[in-house]
Amino acid sequence: ATTADDEEDLSYVEIQHKRFRSVITKYKLDAGEKADEIASLLGNPEVLREMTSTSFAAQFGMSEEEATHFLEFVNVGVKFKEEQLTYATLPIDQLPSGGQ
């Protein structure tokens, strides 16, 4: 389990990733039918956006807190992907770094 002391020196994304990996490992979400179900969810942004921690926890047999940790990191990844797709369509001088 991740303790508050362990998390003190980590960034928000690092904390989210650590919790995410912990849930994956504990519930073996990276193998077999569970992995297939997760892949299906990740491939369907509309369903993923409507997924609650309660429904995810029930579907995969975990606590709501663990489901929240999993979904929060997934949402970090989805947001990153959306931002990158947006940036990919901008002219270089309109990028957040100012093209420098």
PDB file of N, CA and C in Angstrom:
ATOM      1  N   ALA A   1       0.840  -1.186   0.000  1.00  0.00           N
ATOM      2  CA  ALA A   1       0.000   0.000   0.000  1.00  0.00           C
ATOM      3  C   ALA A   1       0.880   1.244   0.000  1.00  0.00           C
ATOM      4  N   THR A   2       0.376   2.293  -0.605  1.00  0.00           N
ATOM      5  CA  THR A   2       1.091   3.555  -0.677  1.00  0.00           C
ATOM      6  C   THR A   2       0.783   4.360   0.577  1.00  0.00           C
ATOM      7  N   THR A   3       1.806   4.863   1.238  1.00  0.00           N
ATOM      8  CA  THR A   3       1.599   5.662   2.438  1.00  0.00           C
ATOM      9  C   THR A   3       1.778   7.133   2.106  1.00  0.00           C
ATOM     10  N   ALA A   4       1.301   7.989   3.017  1.00  0.00           N
ATOM     11  CA  ALA A   4       1.431   9.431   2.805  1.00  0.00           C
ATOM     12  C   ALA A   4       2.903   9.824   2.709  1.00  0.00           C
ATOM     13  N   ASP A   5       3.773   9.188   3.523  1.00  0.00           N
ATOM     14  CA  ASP A   5       5.204   9.497   3.466  1.00  0.00           C
ATOM     15  C   ASP A   5       5.790   9.144   2.107  1.00  0.00           C
ATOM     16  N   ASP A   6       5.375   8.007   1.535  1.00  0.00           N
ATOM     17  CA  ASP A   6       5.860   7.596   0.221  1.00  0.00           C
ATOM     18  C   ASP A   6       5.468   8.616  -0.839  1.00  0.00           C
ATOM     19  N   GLU A   7       4.297   9.207  -0.679  1.00  0.00           N
ATOM     20  CA  GLU A   7       3.751  10.093  -1.698  1.00  0.00           C
ATOM     21  C   GLU A   7       4.274  11.520  -1.591  1.00  0.00           C
ATOM     22  N   GLU A   8       4.888  11.868  -0.467  1.00  0.00           N
ATOM     23  CA  GLU A   8       5.321  13.242  -0.238  1.00  0.00           C
ATOM     24  C   GLU A   8       6.223  13.784  -1.337  1.00  0.00           C
ATOM     25  N   ASP A   9       7.126  12.952  -1.847  1.00  0.00           N
ATOM     26  CA  ASP A   9       8.110  13.413  -2.821  1.00  0.00           C
ATOM     27  C   ASP A   9       7.709  13.136  -4.267  1.00  0.00           C
ATOM     28  N   LEU A  10       6.506  12.701  -4.483  1.00  0.00           N
ATOM     29  CA  LEU A  10       6.079  12.352  -5.830  1.00  0.00           C
ATOM     30  C   LEU A  10       5.133  13.404  -6.392  1.00  0.00           C
ATOM     31  N   SER A  11       5.154  13.552  -7.711  1.00  0.00           N
ATOM     32  CA  SER A  11       4.222  14.465  -8.361  1.00  0.00           C
ATOM     33  C   SER A  11       2.831  13.829  -8.382  1.00  0.00           C
ATOM     34  N   TYR A  12       1.849  14.644  -8.687  1.00  0.00           N
ATOM     35  CA  TYR A  12       0.468  14.157  -8.775  1.00  0.00           C
ATOM     36  C   TYR A  12       0.360  12.983  -9.743  1.00  0.00           C
ATOM     37  N   VAL A  13       0.946  13.113 -10.912  1.00  0.00           N
ATOM     38  CA  VAL A  13       0.860  12.049 -11.921  1.00  0.00           C
ATOM     39  C   VAL A  13       1.575  10.792 -11.439  1.00  0.00           C
ATOM     40  N   GLU A  14       2.718  10.960 -10.780  1.00  0.00           N
ATOM     41  CA  GLU A  14       3.442   9.800 -10.261  1.00  0.00           C
ATOM     42  C   GLU A  14       2.631   9.076  -9.191  1.00  0.00           C
ATOM     43  N   ILE A  15       1.965   9.836  -8.334  1.00  0.00           N
ATOM     44  CA  ILE A  15       1.117   9.233  -7.297  1.00  0.00           C
ATOM     45  C   ILE A  15      -0.029   8.473  -7.956  1.00  0.00           C
ATOM     46  N   GLN A  16      -0.674   9.119  -8.925  1.00  0.00           N
ATOM     47  CA  GLN A  16      -1.793   8.471  -9.617  1.00  0.00           C
ATOM     48  C   GLN A  16      -1.323   7.183 -10.308  1.00  0.00           C
ATOM     49  N   HIS A  17      -0.164   7.239 -10.944  1.00  0.00           N
ATOM     50  CA  HIS A  17       0.345   6.067 -11.644  1.00  0.00           C
ATOM     51  C   HIS A  17       0.664   4.943 -10.667  1.00  0.00           C
ATOM     52  N   LYS A  18       1.246   5.263  -9.535  1.00  0.00           N
ATOM     53  CA  LYS A  18       1.582   4.254  -8.528  1.00  0.00           C
ATOM     54  C   LYS A  18       0.316   3.560  -8.020  1.00  0.00           C
ATOM     55  N   ARG A  19      -0.714   4.343  -7.745  1.00  0.00           N
ATOM     56  CA  ARG A  19      -1.990   3.779  -7.280  1.00  0.00           C
ATOM     57  C   ARG A  19      -2.637   2.924  -8.376  1.00  0.00           C
ATOM     58  N   PHE A  20      -2.600   3.424  -9.593  1.00  0.00           N
ATOM     59  CA  PHE A  20      -3.145   2.716 -10.757  1.00  0.00           C
ATOM     60  C   PHE A  20      -2.486   1.346 -10.904  1.00  0.00           C
ATOM     61  N   ARG A  21      -1.148   1.326 -10.886  1.00  0.00           N
ATOM     62  CA  ARG A  21      -0.401   0.062 -11.023  1.00  0.00           C
ATOM     63  C   ARG A  21      -0.719  -0.890  -9.877  1.00  0.00           C
ATOM     64  N   SER A  22      -0.896  -0.358  -8.696  1.00  0.00           N
ATOM     65  CA  SER A  22      -1.230  -1.176  -7.531  1.00  0.00           C
ATOM     66  C   SER A  22      -2.566  -1.889  -7.738  1.00  0.00           C
ATOM     67  N   VAL A  23      -3.550  -1.168  -8.256  1.00  0.00           N
ATOM     68  CA  VAL A  23      -4.870  -1.761  -8.513  1.00  0.00           C
ATOM     69  C   VAL A  23      -4.761  -2.821  -9.612  1.00  0.00           C
ATOM     70  N   ILE A  24      -4.029  -2.512 -10.667  1.00  0.00           N
ATOM     71  CA  ILE A  24      -3.852  -3.478 -11.761  1.00  0.00           C
ATOM     72  C   ILE A  24      -3.238  -4.769 -11.240  1.00  0.00           C
ATOM     73  N   THR A  25      -2.197  -4.635 -10.445  1.00  0.00           N
ATOM     74  CA  THR A  25      -1.502  -5.806  -9.913  1.00  0.00           C
ATOM     75  C   THR A  25      -2.399  -6.602  -8.969  1.00  0.00           C
ATOM     76  N   LYS A  26      -3.042  -5.912  -8.042  1.00  0.00           N
ATOM     77  CA  LYS A  26      -3.878  -6.579  -7.038  1.00  0.00           C
ATOM     78  C   LYS A  26      -5.013  -7.372  -7.672  1.00  0.00           C
ATOM     79  N   TYR A  27      -5.649  -6.815  -8.698  1.00  0.00           N
ATOM     80  CA  TYR A  27      -6.821  -7.447  -9.307  1.00  0.00           C
ATOM     81  C   TYR A  27      -6.518  -8.116 -10.643  1.00  0.00           C
ATOM     82  N   LYS A  28      -5.230  -8.174 -10.997  1.00  0.00           N
ATOM     83  CA  LYS A  28      -4.801  -8.827 -12.244  1.00  0.00           C
ATOM     84  C   LYS A  28      -5.596  -8.317 -13.450  1.00  0.00           C
ATOM     85  N   LEU A  29      -5.669  -6.996 -13.544  1.00  0.00           N
ATOM     86  CA  LEU A  29      -6.428  -6.371 -14.623  1.00  0.00           C
ATOM     87  C   LEU A  29      -5.677  -6.365 -15.950  1.00  0.00           C
ATOM     88  N   ASP A  30      -4.456  -6.881 -15.934  1.00  0.00           N
ATOM     89  CA  ASP A  30      -3.654  -6.887 -17.151  1.00  0.00           C
ATOM     90  C   ASP A  30      -3.570  -8.270 -17.792  1.00  0.00           C
ATOM     91  N   ALA A  31      -4.487  -9.157 -17.408  1.00  0.00           N
ATOM     92  CA  ALA A  31      -4.460 -10.516 -17.968  1.00  0.00           C
ATOM     93  C   ALA A  31      -5.874 -11.065 -18.147  1.00  0.00           C
ATOM     94  N   GLY A  32      -6.015 -11.903 -19.150  1.00  0.00           N
ATOM     95  CA  GLY A  32      -7.268 -12.633 -19.354  1.00  0.00           C
ATOM     96  C   GLY A  32      -8.466 -11.765 -19.662  1.00  0.00           C
ATOM     97  N   GLU A  33      -9.623 -12.238 -19.196  1.00  0.00           N
ATOM     98  CA  GLU A  33     -10.887 -11.557 -19.481  1.00  0.00           C
ATOM     99  C   GLU A  33     -10.924 -10.137 -18.927  1.00  0.00           C
ATOM    100  N   LYS A  34     -10.331  -9.950 -17.746  1.00  0.00           N
ATOM    101  CA  LYS A  34     -10.326  -8.607 -17.153  1.00  0.00           C
ATOM    102  C   LYS A  34      -9.568  -7.633 -18.055  1.00  0.00           C
ATOM    103  N   ALA A  35      -8.450  -8.067 -18.606  1.00  0.00           N
ATOM    104  CA  ALA A  35      -7.684  -7.207 -19.510  1.00  0.00           C
ATOM    105  C   ALA A  35      -8.506  -6.870 -20.747  1.00  0.00           C
ATOM    106  N   ASP A  36      -9.242  -7.849 -21.250  1.00  0.00           N
ATOM    107  CA  ASP A  36     -10.101  -7.618 -22.413  1.00  0.00           C
ATOM    108  C   ASP A  36     -11.199  -6.601 -22.092  1.00  0.00           C
ATOM    109  N   GLU A  37     -11.791  -6.729 -20.900  1.00  0.00           N
ATOM    110  CA  GLU A  37     -12.844  -5.791 -20.489  1.00  0.00           C
ATOM    111  C   GLU A  37     -12.279  -4.372 -20.348  1.00  0.00           C
ATOM    112  N   ILE A  38     -11.095  -4.263 -19.756  1.00  0.00           N
ATOM    113  CA  ILE A  38     -10.453  -2.952 -19.588  1.00  0.00           C
ATOM    114  C   ILE A  38     -10.153  -2.350 -20.963  1.00  0.00           C
ATOM    115  N   ALA A  39      -9.614  -3.148 -21.863  1.00  0.00           N
ATOM    116  CA  ALA A  39      -9.297  -2.666 -23.213  1.00  0.00           C
ATOM    117  C   ALA A  39     -10.558  -2.174 -23.919  1.00  0.00           C
ATOM    118  N   SER A  40     -11.641  -2.891 -23.731  1.00  0.00           N
ATOM    119  CA  SER A  40     -12.913  -2.491 -24.332  1.00  0.00           C
ATOM    120  C   SER A  40     -13.368  -1.139 -23.778  1.00  0.00           C
ATOM    121  N   LEU A  41     -13.233  -0.958 -22.469  1.00  0.00           N
ATOM    122  CA  LEU A  41     -13.604   0.320 -21.853  1.00  0.00           C
ATOM    123  C   LEU A  41     -12.727   1.459 -22.372  1.00  0.00           C
ATOM    124  N   LEU A  42     -11.425   1.202 -22.422  1.00  0.00           N
ATOM    125  CA  LEU A  42     -10.498   2.239 -22.864  1.00  0.00           C
ATOM    126  C   LEU A  42     -10.712   2.616 -24.322  1.00  0.00           C
ATOM    127  N   GLY A  43     -11.221   1.686 -25.102  1.00  0.00           N
ATOM    128  CA  GLY A  43     -11.489   1.943 -26.509  1.00  0.00           C
ATOM    129  C   GLY A  43     -12.812   2.628 -26.762  1.00  0.00           C
ATOM    130  N   ASN A  44     -13.569   2.873 -25.700  1.00  0.00           N
ATOM    131  CA  ASN A  44     -14.888   3.478 -25.845  1.00  0.00           C
ATOM    132  C   ASN A  44     -14.991   4.697 -24.911  1.00  0.00           C
ATOM    133  N   PRO A  45     -14.498   5.844 -25.349  1.00  0.00           N
ATOM    134  CA  PRO A  45     -14.461   7.031 -24.486  1.00  0.00           C
ATOM    135  C   PRO A  45     -15.817   7.447 -23.914  1.00  0.00           C
ATOM    136  N   GLU A  46     -16.894   7.242 -24.677  1.00  0.00           N
ATOM    137  CA  GLU A  46     -18.215   7.628 -24.177  1.00  0.00           C
ATOM    138  C   GLU A  46     -18.598   6.789 -22.960  1.00  0.00           C
ATOM    139  N   VAL A  47     -18.377   5.495 -23.051  1.00  0.00           N
ATOM    140  CA  VAL A  47     -18.690   4.600 -21.936  1.00  0.00           C
ATOM    141  C   VAL A  47     -17.768   4.917 -20.758  1.00  0.00           C
ATOM    142  N   LEU A  48     -16.511   5.143 -21.047  1.00  0.00           N
ATOM    143  CA  LEU A  48     -15.530   5.440 -20.004  1.00  0.00           C
ATOM    144  C   LEU A  48     -15.897   6.716 -19.260  1.00  0.00           C
ATOM    145  N   ARG A  49     -16.340   7.750 -19.979  1.00  0.00           N
ATOM    146  CA  ARG A  49     -16.727   9.015 -19.342  1.00  0.00           C
ATOM    147  C   ARG A  49     -17.916   8.832 -18.403  1.00  0.00           C
ATOM    148  N   GLU A  50     -18.800   7.914 -18.738  1.00  0.00           N
ATOM    149  CA  GLU A  50     -19.990   7.690 -17.920  1.00  0.00           C
ATOM    150  C   GLU A  50     -19.753   6.692 -16.790  1.00  0.00           C
ATOM    151  N   MET A  51     -18.601   6.031 -16.795  1.00  0.00           N
ATOM    152  CA  MET A  51     -18.279   5.026 -15.788  1.00  0.00           C
ATOM    153  C   MET A  51     -18.043   5.709 -14.438  1.00  0.00           C
ATOM    154  N   THR A  52     -18.727   5.240 -13.425  1.00  0.00           N
ATOM    155  CA  THR A  52     -18.506   5.767 -12.080  1.00  0.00           C
ATOM    156  C   THR A  52     -17.609   4.811 -11.304  1.00  0.00           C
ATOM    157  N   SER A  53     -17.028   5.320 -10.241  1.00  0.00           N
ATOM    158  CA  SER A  53     -16.212   4.465  -9.376  1.00  0.00           C
ATOM    159  C   SER A  53     -17.054   3.330  -8.809  1.00  0.00           C
ATOM    160  N   THR A  54     -18.303   3.620  -8.504  1.00  0.00           N
ATOM    161  CA  THR A  54     -19.197   2.601  -7.948  1.00  0.00           C
ATOM    162  C   THR A  54     -19.433   1.475  -8.944  1.00  0.00           C
ATOM    163  N   SER A  55     -19.736   1.828 -10.185  1.00  0.00           N
ATOM    164  CA  SER A  55     -20.005   0.786 -11.183  1.00  0.00           C
ATOM    165  C   SER A  55     -18.731   0.037 -11.562  1.00  0.00           C
ATOM    166  N   PHE A  56     -17.600   0.740 -11.637  1.00  0.00           N
ATOM    167  CA  PHE A  56     -16.336   0.084 -11.951  1.00  0.00           C
ATOM    168  C   PHE A  56     -15.956  -0.881 -10.829  1.00  0.00           C
ATOM    169  N   ALA A  57     -16.117  -0.432  -9.584  1.00  0.00           N
ATOM    170  CA  ALA A  57     -15.804  -1.281  -8.426  1.00  0.00           C
ATOM    171  C   ALA A  57     -16.656  -2.543  -8.443  1.00  0.00           C
ATOM    172  N   ALA A  58     -17.939  -2.397  -8.737  1.00  0.00           N
ATOM    173  CA  ALA A  58     -18.837  -3.558  -8.781  1.00  0.00           C
ATOM    174  C   ALA A  58     -18.452  -4.499  -9.916  1.00  0.00           C
ATOM    175  N   GLN A  59     -18.119  -3.955 -11.069  1.00  0.00           N
ATOM    176  CA  GLN A  59     -17.779  -4.769 -12.234  1.00  0.00           C
ATOM    177  C   GLN A  59     -16.497  -5.578 -12.011  1.00  0.00           C
ATOM    178  N   PHE A  60     -15.530  -4.992 -11.286  1.00  0.00           N
ATOM    179  CA  PHE A  60     -14.245  -5.660 -11.141  1.00  0.00           C
ATOM    180  C   PHE A  60     -13.950  -6.149  -9.719  1.00  0.00           C
ATOM    181  N   GLY A  61     -14.944  -6.070  -8.834  1.00  0.00           N
ATOM    182  CA  GLY A  61     -14.816  -6.639  -7.497  1.00  0.00           C
ATOM    183  C   GLY A  61     -13.784  -5.970  -6.613  1.00  0.00           C
ATOM    184  N   MET A  62     -13.797  -4.652  -6.599  1.00  0.00           N
ATOM    185  CA  MET A  62     -12.829  -3.910  -5.784  1.00  0.00           C
ATOM    186  C   MET A  62     -13.553  -2.833  -4.998  1.00  0.00           C
ATOM    187  N   SER A  63     -12.827  -2.148  -4.131  1.00  0.00           N
ATOM    188  CA  SER A  63     -13.421  -1.049  -3.367  1.00  0.00           C
ATOM    189  C   SER A  63     -13.620   0.165  -4.283  1.00  0.00           C
ATOM    190  N   GLU A  64     -14.519   1.049  -3.861  1.00  0.00           N
ATOM    191  CA  GLU A  64     -14.728   2.273  -4.633  1.00  0.00           C
ATOM    192  C   GLU A  64     -13.469   3.131  -4.636  1.00  0.00           C
ATOM    193  N   GLU A  65     -12.727   3.130  -3.529  1.00  0.00           N
ATOM    194  CA  GLU A  65     -11.484   3.907  -3.465  1.00  0.00           C
ATOM    195  C   GLU A  65     -10.484   3.401  -4.507  1.00  0.00           C
ATOM    196  N   GLU A  66     -10.354   2.078  -4.632  1.00  0.00           N
ATOM    197  CA  GLU A  66      -9.440   1.514  -5.625  1.00  0.00           C
ATOM    198  C   GLU A  66      -9.920   1.831  -7.037  1.00  0.00           C
ATOM    199  N   ALA A  67     -11.219   1.748  -7.241  1.00  0.00           N
ATOM    200  CA  ALA A  67     -11.772   2.087  -8.553  1.00  0.00           C
ATOM    201  C   ALA A  67     -11.504   3.550  -8.885  1.00  0.00           C
ATOM    202  N   THR A  68     -11.623   4.407  -7.890  1.00  0.00           N
ATOM    203  CA  THR A  68     -11.341   5.832  -8.086  1.00  0.00           C
ATOM    204  C   THR A  68      -9.889   6.033  -8.490  1.00  0.00           C
ATOM    205  N   HIS A  69      -8.967   5.349  -7.806  1.00  0.00           N
ATOM    206  CA  HIS A  69      -7.550   5.466  -8.162  1.00  0.00           C
ATOM    207  C   HIS A  69      -7.311   5.040  -9.604  1.00  0.00           C
ATOM    208  N   PHE A  70      -7.911   3.941  -9.996  1.00  0.00           N
ATOM    209  CA  PHE A  70      -7.744   3.441 -11.359  1.00  0.00           C
ATOM    210  C   PHE A  70      -8.286   4.449 -12.364  1.00  0.00           C
ATOM    211  N   LEU A  71      -9.518   4.877 -12.167  1.00  0.00           N
ATOM    212  CA  LEU A  71     -10.179   5.768 -13.121  1.00  0.00           C
ATOM    213  C   LEU A  71      -9.536   7.152 -13.168  1.00  0.00           C
ATOM    214  N   GLU A  72      -9.023   7.638 -12.028  1.00  0.00           N
ATOM    215  CA  GLU A  72      -8.358   8.943 -12.040  1.00  0.00           C
ATOM    216  C   GLU A  72      -7.139   8.918 -12.954  1.00  0.00           C
ATOM    217  N   PHE A  73      -6.360   7.840 -12.882  1.00  0.00           N
ATOM    218  CA  PHE A  73      -5.178   7.787 -13.746  1.00  0.00           C
ATOM    219  C   PHE A  73      -5.579   7.611 -15.202  1.00  0.00           C
ATOM    220  N   VAL A  74      -6.588   6.829 -15.459  1.00  0.00           N
ATOM    221  CA  VAL A  74      -7.080   6.679 -16.833  1.00  0.00           C
ATOM    222  C   VAL A  74      -7.490   8.053 -17.359  1.00  0.00           C
ATOM    223  N   ASN A  75      -8.162   8.829 -16.531  1.00  0.00           N
ATOM    224  CA  ASN A  75      -8.594  10.162 -16.957  1.00  0.00           C
ATOM    225  C   ASN A  75      -7.411  11.096 -17.204  1.00  0.00           C
ATOM    226  N   VAL A  76      -6.340  10.956 -16.429  1.00  0.00           N
ATOM    227  CA  VAL A  76      -5.115  11.721 -16.685  1.00  0.00           C
ATOM    228  C   VAL A  76      -4.600  11.385 -18.085  1.00  0.00           C
ATOM    229  N   GLY A  77      -4.586  10.101 -18.413  1.00  0.00           N
ATOM    230  CA  GLY A  77      -4.111   9.658 -19.726  1.00  0.00           C
ATOM    231  C   GLY A  77      -5.007  10.132 -20.854  1.00  0.00           C
ATOM    232  N   VAL A  78      -6.313  10.062 -20.646  1.00  0.00           N
ATOM    233  CA  VAL A  78      -7.265  10.505 -21.671  1.00  0.00           C
ATOM    234  C   VAL A  78      -7.109  12.004 -21.917  1.00  0.00           C
ATOM    235  N   LYS A  79      -6.975  12.770 -20.838  1.00  0.00           N
ATOM    236  CA  LYS A  79      -6.799  14.223 -20.975  1.00  0.00           C
ATOM    237  C   LYS A  79      -5.505  14.529 -21.731  1.00  0.00           C
ATOM    238  N   PHE A  80      -4.430  13.830 -21.385  1.00  0.00           N
ATOM    239  CA  PHE A  80      -3.156  14.025 -22.066  1.00  0.00           C
ATOM    240  C   PHE A  80      -3.299  13.740 -23.559  1.00  0.00           C
ATOM    241  N   LYS A  81      -3.944  12.639 -23.885  1.00  0.00           N
ATOM    242  CA  LYS A  81      -4.134  12.261 -25.293  1.00  0.00           C
ATOM    243  C   LYS A  81      -4.937  13.333 -26.036  1.00  0.00           C
ATOM    244  N   GLU A  82      -6.008  13.813 -25.415  1.00  0.00           N
ATOM    245  CA  GLU A  82      -6.828  14.844 -26.052  1.00  0.00           C
ATOM    246  C   GLU A  82      -6.026  16.120 -26.281  1.00  0.00           C
ATOM    247  N   GLU A  83      -5.201  16.496 -25.288  1.00  0.00           N
ATOM    248  CA  GLU A  83      -4.372  17.697 -25.444  1.00  0.00           C
ATOM    249  C   GLU A  83      -3.373  17.514 -26.584  1.00  0.00           C
ATOM    250  N   GLN A  84      -2.768  16.346 -26.650  1.00  0.00           N
ATOM    251  CA  GLN A  84      -1.782  16.100 -27.703  1.00  0.00           C
ATOM    252  C   GLN A  84      -2.426  16.140 -29.081  1.00  0.00           C
ATOM    253  N   LEU A  85      -3.636  15.612 -29.196  1.00  0.00           N
ATOM    254  CA  LEU A  85      -4.338  15.660 -30.481  1.00  0.00           C
ATOM    255  C   LEU A  85      -4.673  17.097 -30.859  1.00  0.00           C
ATOM    256  N   THR A  86      -5.029  17.902 -29.872  1.00  0.00           N
ATOM    257  CA  THR A  86      -5.307  19.314 -30.124  1.00  0.00           C
ATOM    258  C   THR A  86      -4.036  20.028 -30.578  1.00  0.00           C
ATOM    259  N   TYR A  87      -2.930  19.799 -29.860  1.00  0.00           N
ATOM    260  CA  TYR A  87      -1.669  20.444 -30.205  1.00  0.00           C
ATOM    261  C   TYR A  87      -1.184  20.021 -31.584  1.00  0.00           C
ATOM    262  N   ALA A  88      -1.462  18.791 -31.961  1.00  0.00           N
ATOM    263  CA  ALA A  88      -0.995  18.284 -33.253  1.00  0.00           C
ATOM    264  C   ALA A  88      -1.600  19.057 -34.423  1.00  0.00           C
ATOM    265  N   THR A  89      -2.734  19.703 -34.195  1.00  0.00           N
ATOM    266  CA  THR A  89      -3.395  20.426 -35.282  1.00  0.00           C
ATOM    267  C   THR A  89      -3.070  21.918 -35.295  1.00  0.00           C
ATOM    268  N   LEU A  90      -2.328  22.389 -34.281  1.00  0.00           N
ATOM    269  CA  LEU A  90      -2.003  23.818 -34.199  1.00  0.00           C
ATOM    270  C   LEU A  90      -0.735  24.154 -34.970  1.00  0.00           C
ATOM    271  N   PRO A  91      -0.690  25.349 -35.563  1.00  0.00           N
ATOM    272  CA  PRO A  91       0.573  25.816 -36.144  1.00  0.00           C
ATOM    273  C   PRO A  91       1.602  25.959 -35.030  1.00  0.00           C
ATOM    274  N   ILE A  92       2.859  25.792 -35.345  1.00  0.00           N
ATOM    275  CA  ILE A  92       3.916  25.780 -34.336  1.00  0.00           C
ATOM    276  C   ILE A  92       3.943  27.051 -33.493  1.00  0.00           C
ATOM    277  N   ASP A  93       3.618  28.193 -34.078  1.00  0.00           N
ATOM    278  CA  ASP A  93       3.669  29.442 -33.308  1.00  0.00           C
ATOM    279  C   ASP A  93       2.499  29.586 -32.334  1.00  0.00           C
ATOM    280  N   GLN A  94       1.531  28.666 -32.388  1.00  0.00           N
ATOM    281  CA  GLN A  94       0.409  28.704 -31.472  1.00  0.00           C
ATOM    282  C   GLN A  94       0.502  27.645 -30.367  1.00  0.00           C
ATOM    283  N   LEU A  95       1.588  26.885 -30.373  1.00  0.00           N
ATOM    284  CA  LEU A  95       1.787  25.883 -29.331  1.00  0.00           C
ATOM    285  C   LEU A  95       2.066  26.561 -27.998  1.00  0.00           C
ATOM    286  N   PRO A  96       1.755  25.898 -26.882  1.00  0.00           N
ATOM    287  CA  PRO A  96       1.946  26.517 -25.552  1.00  0.00           C
ATOM    288  C   PRO A  96       3.355  27.051 -25.311  1.00  0.00           C
ATOM    289  N   SER A  97       4.368  26.440 -25.903  1.00  0.00           N
ATOM    290  CA  SER A  97       5.745  26.925 -25.708  1.00  0.00           C
ATOM    291  C   SER A  97       6.052  28.121 -26.600  1.00  0.00           C
ATOM    292  N   GLY A  98       5.103  28.517 -27.421  1.00  0.00           N
ATOM    293  CA  GLY A  98       5.313  29.631 -28.329  1.00  0.00           C
ATOM    294  C   GLY A  98       6.172  29.274 -29.523  1.00  0.00           C
ATOM    295  N   GLY A  99       6.327  27.962 -29.731  1.00  0.00           N
ATOM    296  CA  GLY A  99       7.118  27.508 -30.883  1.00  0.00           C
ATOM    297  C   GLY A  99       8.602  27.606 -30.659  1.00  0.00           C
ATOM    298  N   GLN A 100       9.032  27.844 -29.417  1.00  0.00           N
ATOM    299  CA  GLN A 100      10.464  28.012 -29.128  1.00  0.00           C
ATOM    300  C   GLN A 100      11.068  26.747 -28.590  1.00  0.00           C
TER     301      GLN A 100
END
